[in-house]
Amino acid sequence: MKNRNIDITAVLNGHKEGLLAGPALTSFERAIGLARDAGLQVEGVIVLDRPDAATRMQFASVESRYEIFETDHGDPGLARNSAVAAANGTFISFLDGDDLWSPNWLVAAHQLCAAEPEVTVAHSEVNIIFGEQRLLWWHIDSRSPNFDPGYLRFNNYWDAMAFAATDIFKRYPFEATNLSLGYGYEDWHWNCVTLEAGIDHRPALGTAHFKRRRKVSQLAITNAANSIVLPTPLSSYGWLP
């Protein structure tokens, strides 16, 4: 039976990040610690999807503190779905294995989503991109007068390291990436589906995600395959919010 007293399930998704997973784990633990200090009940879950030995080794020292399990999806969206199925928390949030949360992320995102849990997905206010690229990615509020849903036909507004009610992720699971058919960008597709369902995507002010750009990553592989996002009703110019 699931423990309904848990406020947040914090999920770290690993793959083949190797040593880069170490800083991500430090960030993960710090955000969990600050959320617990704020009075929130937080469980940590680590999902390793087809990990290599170097990545698995990064988590050996924390096996007593967090639930750690491996999956064989070879797909980031399906690995997140597995985490959702295992989650006990009312809310859930994801951290990719080579990225970082700002320490206040879980507290600020919970405050935003708890006010309207059925219709809110929280994102960082800004993504700070580093590594192969250096840039800032500001996340727009879908309630802003400057928001244009039509932009989602051409590009993604928000990344996958979101925070929302676990029930939202259960109702709208991530789709598998299928590069052989030319479809990718599972987070972009999920953003379209949830927005179409009347769920707002909003930045938690004062938060940042630090996103590492690497030459070899799922995004780089998807871009190189000239993939497109799976069609949704929003893809049609006849769609209205």
Foldseek 3Di string as FASTA:
>chain_A
DFDAQAAEEEEEEAEEPQPLLLVAVVQSVLLVVVCVVVVGHYAYEYEYANYDPRNVVSCPVCVVRHHYDYHDPPFVQVSVVVVLVVDRHQKYFYDYRNKHKDSNVVVLQSVVCVVPQVAEKEAAQWEAEDAPDGDIQGAAKCPDPPDDLLCLLPDARGDRRIMGGSVLCVVQGFDGADLVVQADDRVSLSVNVSVLVNHIYYYRPPIYMYHYDDCDDPVNVSVVSNGDHDDDVSNDPPDDD
